[in-house]
């Protein structure tokens, strides 16, 4: 297990230096009520008092229920300024407009929400002189389990090197809200969705592979399929080499 006091101090110092060097007023992050955003919010608030967490429910019942409750509990426990933007009508309007140009697939429809959330964060950041904090972990990055130009976009990410398991351990060490630490990880993109169910593999198995290179044959097939199929998400956009 990592030395989480050392990890906390190092990451807080990293964020402080970044904010100072950037000359910005503060930080904004998406407070989803999930584990990754909770850890990012805690670190950012410790480094920069002017940290704002934005609750951005969009369509799904979970967004307006447990996720909203957990996001508010995190904000209250750590004194994080909180704002809320209901993106449901925006998503509906976008889907209706785009459907006149093509038949939207379920996956593309689900990805509208995270892209709207990042648009919201950057609008706030640009209007108030803030940096946008990313909330993705190493396990998600390896699997490509994020939305390109959605939650995969940010100015900095203080937890990108941590596996999901390490994020869980870090939150336990911090004594973050128990409701956040014990619920199943979910992007909340549609009803009943959970990360592990959608990927068909547990975070424990993903992290075991990342740390040791070991995996069962079935898990390795899933790991390879997700990683190879998402390589474009981790690469810079292609440009003409002339």
C-alpha atoms as a PDB file:
ATOM      1  CA  UNK A   1       0.000   0.000   0.000  1.00  0.00           C
ATOM      2  CA  UNK A   2       1.176   3.508  -0.771  1.00  0.00           C
ATOM      3  CA  UNK A   3       2.155   6.016   1.897  1.00  0.00           C
ATOM      4  CA  UNK A   4      -0.975   8.136   1.577  1.00  0.00           C
ATOM      5  CA  UNK A   5       0.258  10.931   3.822  1.00  0.00           C
ATOM      6  CA  UNK A   6       3.175  11.354   1.441  1.00  0.00           C
ATOM      7  CA  UNK A   7       0.824  11.020  -1.547  1.00  0.00           C
ATOM      8  CA  UNK A   8      -1.514  13.652  -0.119  1.00  0.00           C
ATOM      9  CA  UNK A   9       1.272  16.139   0.601  1.00  0.00           C
ATOM     10  CA  UNK A  10       2.885  15.654  -2.802  1.00  0.00           C
ATOM     11  CA  UNK A  11      -0.312  16.023  -4.777  1.00  0.00           C
ATOM     12  CA  UNK A  12      -1.452  19.074  -2.837  1.00  0.00           C
ATOM     13  CA  UNK A  13       1.943  20.713  -3.469  1.00  0.00           C
ATOM     14  CA  UNK A  14       1.684  19.832  -7.178  1.00  0.00           C
ATOM     15  CA  UNK A  15      -1.727  21.511  -7.451  1.00  0.00           C
ATOM     16  CA  UNK A  16      -0.616  24.601  -5.511  1.00  0.00           C
ATOM     17  CA  UNK A  17       2.401  25.067  -7.769  1.00  0.00           C
ATOM     18  CA  UNK A  18       0.283  24.613 -10.869  1.00  0.00           C
ATOM     19  CA  UNK A  19      -2.307  27.162  -9.770  1.00  0.00           C
ATOM     20  CA  UNK A  20       0.395  29.673  -8.862  1.00  0.00           C
ATOM     21  CA  UNK A  21       2.259  29.198 -12.144  1.00  0.00           C
ATOM     22  CA  UNK A  22      -0.946  29.484 -14.168  1.00  0.00           C
ATOM     23  CA  UNK A  23      -1.961  32.754 -12.552  1.00  0.00           C
ATOM     24  CA  UNK A  24      -5.575  31.614 -12.257  1.00  0.00           C
ATOM     25  CA  UNK A  25      -8.118  32.451  -9.576  1.00  0.00           C
ATOM     26  CA  UNK A  26      -9.024  28.894  -8.643  1.00  0.00           C
ATOM     27  CA  UNK A  27     -10.152  25.429  -9.704  1.00  0.00           C
ATOM     28  CA  UNK A  28     -13.393  23.886 -10.920  1.00  0.00           C
ATOM     29  CA  UNK A  29     -14.215  20.176 -11.070  1.00  0.00           C
ATOM     30  CA  UNK A  30     -17.219  18.009 -11.784  1.00  0.00           C
ATOM     31  CA  UNK A  31     -18.610  16.700  -8.501  1.00  0.00           C
ATOM     32  CA  UNK A  32     -20.281  13.504  -9.682  1.00  0.00           C
ATOM     33  CA  UNK A  33     -20.703  11.945  -6.254  1.00  0.00           C
ATOM     34  CA  UNK A  34     -18.265   9.220  -7.299  1.00  0.00           C
ATOM     35  CA  UNK A  35     -14.949   8.056  -5.894  1.00  0.00           C
ATOM     36  CA  UNK A  36     -12.578   9.680  -8.373  1.00  0.00           C
ATOM     37  CA  UNK A  37     -14.232  13.088  -8.282  1.00  0.00           C
ATOM     38  CA  UNK A  38     -14.356  12.899  -4.487  1.00  0.00           C
ATOM     39  CA  UNK A  39     -10.608  12.377  -4.231  1.00  0.00           C
ATOM     40  CA  UNK A  40      -9.898  15.119  -6.751  1.00  0.00           C
ATOM     41  CA  UNK A  41     -12.197  17.519  -4.919  1.00  0.00           C
ATOM     42  CA  UNK A  42     -10.542  16.807  -1.564  1.00  0.00           C
ATOM     43  CA  UNK A  43      -7.045  17.325  -3.001  1.00  0.00           C
ATOM     44  CA  UNK A  44      -7.980  20.488  -4.867  1.00  0.00           C
ATOM     45  CA  UNK A  45      -9.700  22.046  -1.868  1.00  0.00           C
ATOM     46  CA  UNK A  46      -6.664  21.310   0.311  1.00  0.00           C
ATOM     47  CA  UNK A  47      -4.423  22.990  -2.268  1.00  0.00           C
ATOM     48  CA  UNK A  48      -6.648  25.886  -3.287  1.00  0.00           C
ATOM     49  CA  UNK A  49      -9.406  27.282  -1.098  1.00  0.00           C
ATOM     50  CA  UNK A  50     -11.170  28.729  -4.158  1.00  0.00           C
ATOM     51  CA  UNK A  51     -12.230  25.341  -5.484  1.00  0.00           C
ATOM     52  CA  UNK A  52     -15.710  24.918  -6.921  1.00  0.00           C
ATOM     53  CA  UNK A  53     -17.447  21.587  -7.427  1.00  0.00           C
ATOM     54  CA  UNK A  54     -20.257  21.491  -9.966  1.00  0.00           C
ATOM     55  CA  UNK A  55     -23.104  19.002  -9.666  1.00  0.00           C
ATOM     56  CA  UNK A  56     -24.325  18.246 -13.201  1.00  0.00           C
ATOM     57  CA  UNK A  57     -27.204  15.764 -13.156  1.00  0.00           C
ATOM     58  CA  UNK A  58     -28.358  14.734 -16.601  1.00  0.00           C
ATOM     59  CA  UNK A  59     -31.408  12.567 -17.261  1.00  0.00           C
ATOM     60  CA  UNK A  60     -30.666   9.435 -15.208  1.00  0.00           C
ATOM     61  CA  UNK A  61     -32.517   8.881 -11.922  1.00  0.00           C
ATOM     62  CA  UNK A  62     -29.249   8.003 -10.196  1.00  0.00           C
ATOM     63  CA  UNK A  63     -27.883  11.449 -11.107  1.00  0.00           C
ATOM     64  CA  UNK A  64     -30.758  13.099  -9.254  1.00  0.00           C
ATOM     65  CA  UNK A  65     -30.700  10.623  -6.345  1.00  0.00           C
ATOM     66  CA  UNK A  66     -27.728   8.976  -4.678  1.00  0.00           C
ATOM     67  CA  UNK A  67     -25.105  10.765  -6.799  1.00  0.00           C
ATOM     68  CA  UNK A  68     -26.500  14.194  -5.976  1.00  0.00           C
ATOM     69  CA  UNK A  69     -26.774  13.312  -2.277  1.00  0.00           C
ATOM     70  CA  UNK A  70     -23.213  11.978  -2.176  1.00  0.00           C
ATOM     71  CA  UNK A  71     -21.812  14.981  -4.000  1.00  0.00           C
ATOM     72  CA  UNK A  72     -23.455  17.309  -1.518  1.00  0.00           C
ATOM     73  CA  UNK A  73     -22.212  15.254   1.428  1.00  0.00           C
ATOM     74  CA  UNK A  74     -18.644  15.442   0.128  1.00  0.00           C
ATOM     75  CA  UNK A  75     -18.930  19.203  -0.330  1.00  0.00           C
ATOM     76  CA  UNK A  76     -20.293  19.668   3.176  1.00  0.00           C
ATOM     77  CA  UNK A  77     -17.632  17.507   4.824  1.00  0.00           C
ATOM     78  CA  UNK A  78     -14.747  19.299   3.111  1.00  0.00           C
ATOM     79  CA  UNK A  79     -16.186  22.808   2.798  1.00  0.00           C
ATOM     80  CA  UNK A  80     -16.223  22.807  -0.999  1.00  0.00           C
ATOM     81  CA  UNK A  81     -18.304  25.511  -2.715  1.00  0.00           C
ATOM     82  CA  UNK A  82     -21.015  23.779  -4.725  1.00  0.00           C
ATOM     83  CA  UNK A  83     -23.104  24.808  -7.703  1.00  0.00           C
ATOM     84  CA  UNK A  84     -25.632  22.809  -9.683  1.00  0.00           C
ATOM     85  CA  UNK A  85     -26.434  22.788 -13.387  1.00  0.00           C
ATOM     86  CA  UNK A  86     -29.239  20.510 -14.594  1.00  0.00           C
ATOM     87  CA  UNK A  87     -28.158  19.430 -18.067  1.00  0.00           C
ATOM     88  CA  UNK A  88     -31.226  17.310 -18.817  1.00  0.00           C
ATOM     89  CA  UNK A  89     -33.011  19.842 -21.063  1.00  0.00           C
ATOM     90  CA  UNK A  90     -29.752  20.660 -22.840  1.00  0.00           C
ATOM     91  CA  UNK A  91     -29.123  16.985 -23.609  1.00  0.00           C
ATOM     92  CA  UNK A  92     -32.661  16.533 -24.859  1.00  0.00           C
ATOM     93  CA  UNK A  93     -32.382  19.593 -27.108  1.00  0.00           C
ATOM     94  CA  UNK A  94     -29.007  18.465 -28.457  1.00  0.00           C
ATOM     95  CA  UNK A  95     -30.252  14.942 -29.180  1.00  0.00           C
ATOM     96  CA  UNK A  96     -33.350  16.269 -30.935  1.00  0.00           C
ATOM     97  CA  UNK A  97     -31.314  18.643 -33.091  1.00  0.00           C
ATOM     98  CA  UNK A  98     -28.676  16.050 -34.006  1.00  0.00           C
ATOM     99  CA  UNK A  99     -31.290  13.388 -34.779  1.00  0.00           C
ATOM    100  CA  UNK A 100     -32.309  15.451 -37.804  1.00  0.00           C
ATOM    101  CA  UNK A 101     -28.864  14.760 -39.261  1.00  0.00           C
ATOM    102  CA  UNK A 102     -28.359  11.097 -38.289  1.00  0.00           C
ATOM    103  CA  UNK A 103     -29.764   8.175 -36.345  1.00  0.00           C
ATOM    104  CA  UNK A 104     -28.040   8.467 -32.969  1.00  0.00           C
ATOM    105  CA  UNK A 105     -26.689   5.198 -31.559  1.00  0.00           C
ATOM    106  CA  UNK A 106     -27.179   4.402 -27.847  1.00  0.00           C
ATOM    107  CA  UNK A 107     -23.451   4.826 -27.141  1.00  0.00           C
ATOM    108  CA  UNK A 108     -23.293   8.188 -28.879  1.00  0.00           C
ATOM    109  CA  UNK A 109     -26.402   9.328 -27.045  1.00  0.00           C
ATOM    110  CA  UNK A 110     -24.858   8.337 -23.693  1.00  0.00           C
ATOM    111  CA  UNK A 111     -21.695  10.280 -24.507  1.00  0.00           C
ATOM    112  CA  UNK A 112     -23.570  13.555 -24.974  1.00  0.00           C
ATOM    113  CA  UNK A 113     -23.855  14.005 -21.183  1.00  0.00           C
ATOM    114  CA  UNK A 114     -20.115  13.874 -20.324  1.00  0.00           C
ATOM    115  CA  UNK A 115     -19.349  16.221 -23.221  1.00  0.00           C
ATOM    116  CA  UNK A 116     -21.971  18.669 -22.009  1.00  0.00           C
ATOM    117  CA  UNK A 117     -20.483  18.434 -18.531  1.00  0.00           C
ATOM    118  CA  UNK A 118     -17.032  19.346 -19.813  1.00  0.00           C
ATOM    119  CA  UNK A 119     -18.513  22.205 -21.840  1.00  0.00           C
ATOM    120  CA  UNK A 120     -20.100  23.452 -18.612  1.00  0.00           C
ATOM    121  CA  UNK A 121     -16.854  23.221 -16.653  1.00  0.00           C
ATOM    122  CA  UNK A 122     -14.849  25.045 -19.303  1.00  0.00           C
ATOM    123  CA  UNK A 123     -17.484  27.756 -19.597  1.00  0.00           C
ATOM    124  CA  UNK A 124     -17.247  28.355 -15.846  1.00  0.00           C
ATOM    125  CA  UNK A 125     -13.454  28.129 -15.922  1.00  0.00           C
ATOM    126  CA  UNK A 126     -13.153  30.595 -18.782  1.00  0.00           C
ATOM    127  CA  UNK A 127     -15.605  33.009 -17.212  1.00  0.00           C
ATOM    128  CA  UNK A 128     -13.977  32.988 -13.784  1.00  0.00           C
ATOM    129  CA  UNK A 129     -10.301  32.327 -14.461  1.00  0.00           C
ATOM    130  CA  UNK A 130     -10.136  28.731 -13.203  1.00  0.00           C
ATOM    131  CA  UNK A 131      -8.375  25.520 -14.149  1.00  0.00           C
ATOM    132  CA  UNK A 132     -10.467  22.429 -14.908  1.00  0.00           C
ATOM    133  CA  UNK A 133      -9.420  19.430 -12.833  1.00  0.00           C
ATOM    134  CA  UNK A 134      -9.660  15.989 -14.403  1.00  0.00           C
ATOM    135  CA  UNK A 135     -11.014  13.041 -12.446  1.00  0.00           C
ATOM    136  CA  UNK A 136      -9.969   9.919 -14.381  1.00  0.00           C
ATOM    137  CA  UNK A 137      -7.766   7.188 -12.894  1.00  0.00           C
ATOM    138  CA  UNK A 138      -5.079   4.941 -14.403  1.00  0.00           C
ATOM    139  CA  UNK A 139      -7.370   1.912 -14.657  1.00  0.00           C
ATOM    140  CA  UNK A 140      -9.988   3.806 -16.651  1.00  0.00           C
ATOM    141  CA  UNK A 141      -7.314   5.282 -18.897  1.00  0.00           C
ATOM    142  CA  UNK A 142      -5.877   1.844 -19.712  1.00  0.00           C
ATOM    143  CA  UNK A 143      -9.316   0.487 -20.577  1.00  0.00           C
ATOM    144  CA  UNK A 144     -10.334   3.600 -22.464  1.00  0.00           C
ATOM    145  CA  UNK A 145     -13.289   3.807 -20.110  1.00  0.00           C
ATOM    146  CA  UNK A 146     -13.887   7.519 -20.521  1.00  0.00           C
ATOM    147  CA  UNK A 147     -15.505   9.794 -23.077  1.00  0.00           C
ATOM    148  CA  UNK A 148     -13.193  11.419 -25.582  1.00  0.00           C
ATOM    149  CA  UNK A 149     -13.524  15.212 -25.289  1.00  0.00           C
ATOM    150  CA  UNK A 150     -15.805  14.599 -22.299  1.00  0.00           C
ATOM    151  CA  UNK A 151     -14.362  13.471 -18.973  1.00  0.00           C
ATOM    152  CA  UNK A 152     -11.141  12.777 -20.891  1.00  0.00           C
ATOM    153  CA  UNK A 153     -10.584  16.548 -21.253  1.00  0.00           C
ATOM    154  CA  UNK A 154      -9.033  18.696 -18.508  1.00  0.00           C
ATOM    155  CA  UNK A 155      -6.247  21.151 -17.680  1.00  0.00           C
ATOM    156  CA  UNK A 156      -4.624  18.882 -15.115  1.00  0.00           C
ATOM    157  CA  UNK A 157      -5.322  15.586 -13.385  1.00  0.00           C
ATOM    158  CA  UNK A 158      -3.908  14.913  -9.904  1.00  0.00           C
ATOM    159  CA  UNK A 159      -4.909  11.221  -9.790  1.00  0.00           C
ATOM    160  CA  UNK A 160      -4.116   9.982 -13.317  1.00  0.00           C
ATOM    161  CA  UNK A 161      -1.343   7.695 -12.036  1.00  0.00           C
ATOM    162  CA  UNK A 162      -3.519   5.981  -9.404  1.00  0.00           C
ATOM    163  CA  UNK A 163      -5.324   2.722 -10.084  1.00  0.00           C
ATOM    164  CA  UNK A 164      -8.963   2.441  -9.052  1.00  0.00           C
ATOM    165  CA  UNK A 165      -7.901   0.292  -6.093  1.00  0.00           C
ATOM    166  CA  UNK A 166      -5.475   2.975  -4.937  1.00  0.00           C
ATOM    167  CA  UNK A 167      -8.192   5.610  -5.234  1.00  0.00           C
ATOM    168  CA  UNK A 168     -10.393   3.450  -2.986  1.00  0.00           C
ATOM    169  CA  UNK A 169      -7.552   3.072  -0.463  1.00  0.00           C
ATOM    170  CA  UNK A 170      -6.815   6.798  -0.544  1.00  0.00           C
ATOM    171  CA  UNK A 171     -10.453   7.628   0.212  1.00  0.00           C
ATOM    172  CA  UNK A 172     -10.449   5.177   3.114  1.00  0.00           C
ATOM    173  CA  UNK A 173      -7.323   6.850   4.490  1.00  0.00           C
ATOM    174  CA  UNK A 174      -8.996  10.246   4.161  1.00  0.00           C
ATOM    175  CA  UNK A 175     -12.190   8.958   5.812  1.00  0.00           C
ATOM    176  CA  UNK A 176     -14.268  10.319   2.927  1.00  0.00           C
ATOM    177  CA  UNK A 177     -18.058   9.851   3.118  1.00  0.00           C
ATOM    178  CA  UNK A 178     -18.824   6.152   3.575  1.00  0.00           C
ATOM    179  CA  UNK A 179     -21.658   6.279   1.044  1.00  0.00           C
ATOM    180  CA  UNK A 180     -19.154   7.222  -1.657  1.00  0.00           C
ATOM    181  CA  UNK A 181     -16.578   4.664  -0.590  1.00  0.00           C
ATOM    182  CA  UNK A 182     -19.010   1.727  -0.531  1.00  0.00           C
ATOM    183  CA  UNK A 183     -21.186   2.209  -3.606  1.00  0.00           C
ATOM    184  CA  UNK A 184     -20.455   0.520  -6.931  1.00  0.00           C
ATOM    185  CA  UNK A 185     -18.498   2.707  -9.365  1.00  0.00           C
ATOM    186  CA  UNK A 186     -20.801   4.022 -12.088  1.00  0.00           C
ATOM    187  CA  UNK A 187     -20.660   6.744 -14.705  1.00  0.00           C
ATOM    188  CA  UNK A 188     -24.429   7.085 -14.285  1.00  0.00           C
ATOM    189  CA  UNK A 189     -24.916   7.376 -18.037  1.00  0.00           C
ATOM    190  CA  UNK A 190     -28.032   5.220 -18.067  1.00  0.00           C
ATOM    191  CA  UNK A 191     -30.240   3.380 -15.591  1.00  0.00           C
ATOM    192  CA  UNK A 192     -28.617   0.364 -13.915  1.00  0.00           C
ATOM    193  CA  UNK A 193     -25.194   1.077 -15.379  1.00  0.00           C
ATOM    194  CA  UNK A 194     -22.080   0.163 -13.408  1.00  0.00           C
ATOM    195  CA  UNK A 195     -18.490   0.323 -14.615  1.00  0.00           C
ATOM    196  CA  UNK A 196     -17.634  -3.301 -13.920  1.00  0.00           C
ATOM    197  CA  UNK A 197     -20.851  -4.674 -15.393  1.00  0.00           C
ATOM    198  CA  UNK A 198     -20.370  -2.676 -18.569  1.00  0.00           C
ATOM    199  CA  UNK A 199     -16.721  -3.677 -18.998  1.00  0.00           C
ATOM    200  CA  UNK A 200     -17.260  -7.291 -17.970  1.00  0.00           C
ATOM    201  CA  UNK A 201     -14.271  -7.237 -15.626  1.00  0.00           C
ATOM    202  CA  UNK A 202     -13.629  -6.037 -12.083  1.00  0.00           C
ATOM    203  CA  UNK A 203     -11.358  -3.148 -11.172  1.00  0.00           C
ATOM    204  CA  UNK A 204      -9.493  -5.581  -8.921  1.00  0.00           C
ATOM    205  CA  UNK A 205      -8.644  -7.718 -11.963  1.00  0.00           C
ATOM    206  CA  UNK A 206      -7.668  -4.672 -14.037  1.00  0.00           C
ATOM    207  CA  UNK A 207      -5.419  -3.347 -11.290  1.00  0.00           C
ATOM    208  CA  UNK A 208      -3.853  -6.745 -10.664  1.00  0.00           C
ATOM    209  CA  UNK A 209      -2.835  -6.808 -14.319  1.00  0.00           C
ATOM    210  CA  UNK A 210      -1.527  -3.233 -14.236  1.00  0.00           C
ATOM    211  CA  UNK A 211       0.538  -3.931 -11.124  1.00  0.00           C
ATOM    212  CA  UNK A 212       1.779  -7.470 -11.853  1.00  0.00           C
ATOM    213  CA  UNK A 213       1.020  -8.261 -15.508  1.00  0.00           C
ATOM    214  CA  UNK A 214      -1.046 -11.238 -14.360  1.00  0.00           C
ATOM    215  CA  UNK A 215      -4.575 -11.998 -15.578  1.00  0.00           C
ATOM    216  CA  UNK A 216      -6.780 -14.976 -16.382  1.00  0.00           C
ATOM    217  CA  UNK A 217      -7.218 -15.847 -20.051  1.00  0.00           C
ATOM    218  CA  UNK A 218     -10.732 -14.398 -20.137  1.00  0.00           C
ATOM    219  CA  UNK A 219      -9.703 -11.213 -18.315  1.00  0.00           C
ATOM    220  CA  UNK A 220      -6.727 -10.787 -20.660  1.00  0.00           C
ATOM    221  CA  UNK A 221      -9.040 -10.992 -23.664  1.00  0.00           C
ATOM    222  CA  UNK A 222     -11.215  -8.264 -22.193  1.00  0.00           C
ATOM    223  CA  UNK A 223      -8.214  -6.134 -21.239  1.00  0.00           C
ATOM    224  CA  UNK A 224      -6.730  -6.401 -24.731  1.00  0.00           C
ATOM    225  CA  UNK A 225     -10.048  -5.684 -26.442  1.00  0.00           C
ATOM    226  CA  UNK A 226     -10.733  -2.554 -24.431  1.00  0.00           C
ATOM    227  CA  UNK A 227      -7.142  -1.274 -24.498  1.00  0.00           C
ATOM    228  CA  UNK A 228      -6.527  -1.842 -28.197  1.00  0.00           C
ATOM    229  CA  UNK A 229      -9.935  -0.530 -29.202  1.00  0.00           C
ATOM    230  CA  UNK A 230      -9.442   2.698 -27.273  1.00  0.00           C
ATOM    231  CA  UNK A 231      -5.900   3.580 -28.309  1.00  0.00           C
ATOM    232  CA  UNK A 232      -7.189   6.567 -30.290  1.00  0.00           C
ATOM    233  CA  UNK A 233      -8.448   8.114 -27.036  1.00  0.00           C
ATOM    234  CA  UNK A 234      -4.975   8.204 -25.522  1.00  0.00           C
ATOM    235  CA  UNK A 235      -3.176   9.586 -28.574  1.00  0.00           C
ATOM    236  CA  UNK A 236      -3.012  13.245 -29.611  1.00  0.00           C
ATOM    237  CA  UNK A 237      -5.322  14.015 -32.523  1.00  0.00           C
ATOM    238  CA  UNK A 238      -3.766  13.143 -35.873  1.00  0.00           C
ATOM    239  CA  UNK A 239      -2.468  16.073 -37.894  1.00  0.00           C
ATOM    240  CA  UNK A 240      -1.019  16.314 -41.392  1.00  0.00           C
ATOM    241  CA  UNK A 241       2.782  15.884 -41.048  1.00  0.00           C
ATOM    242  CA  UNK A 242       3.755  18.379 -43.759  1.00  0.00           C
END
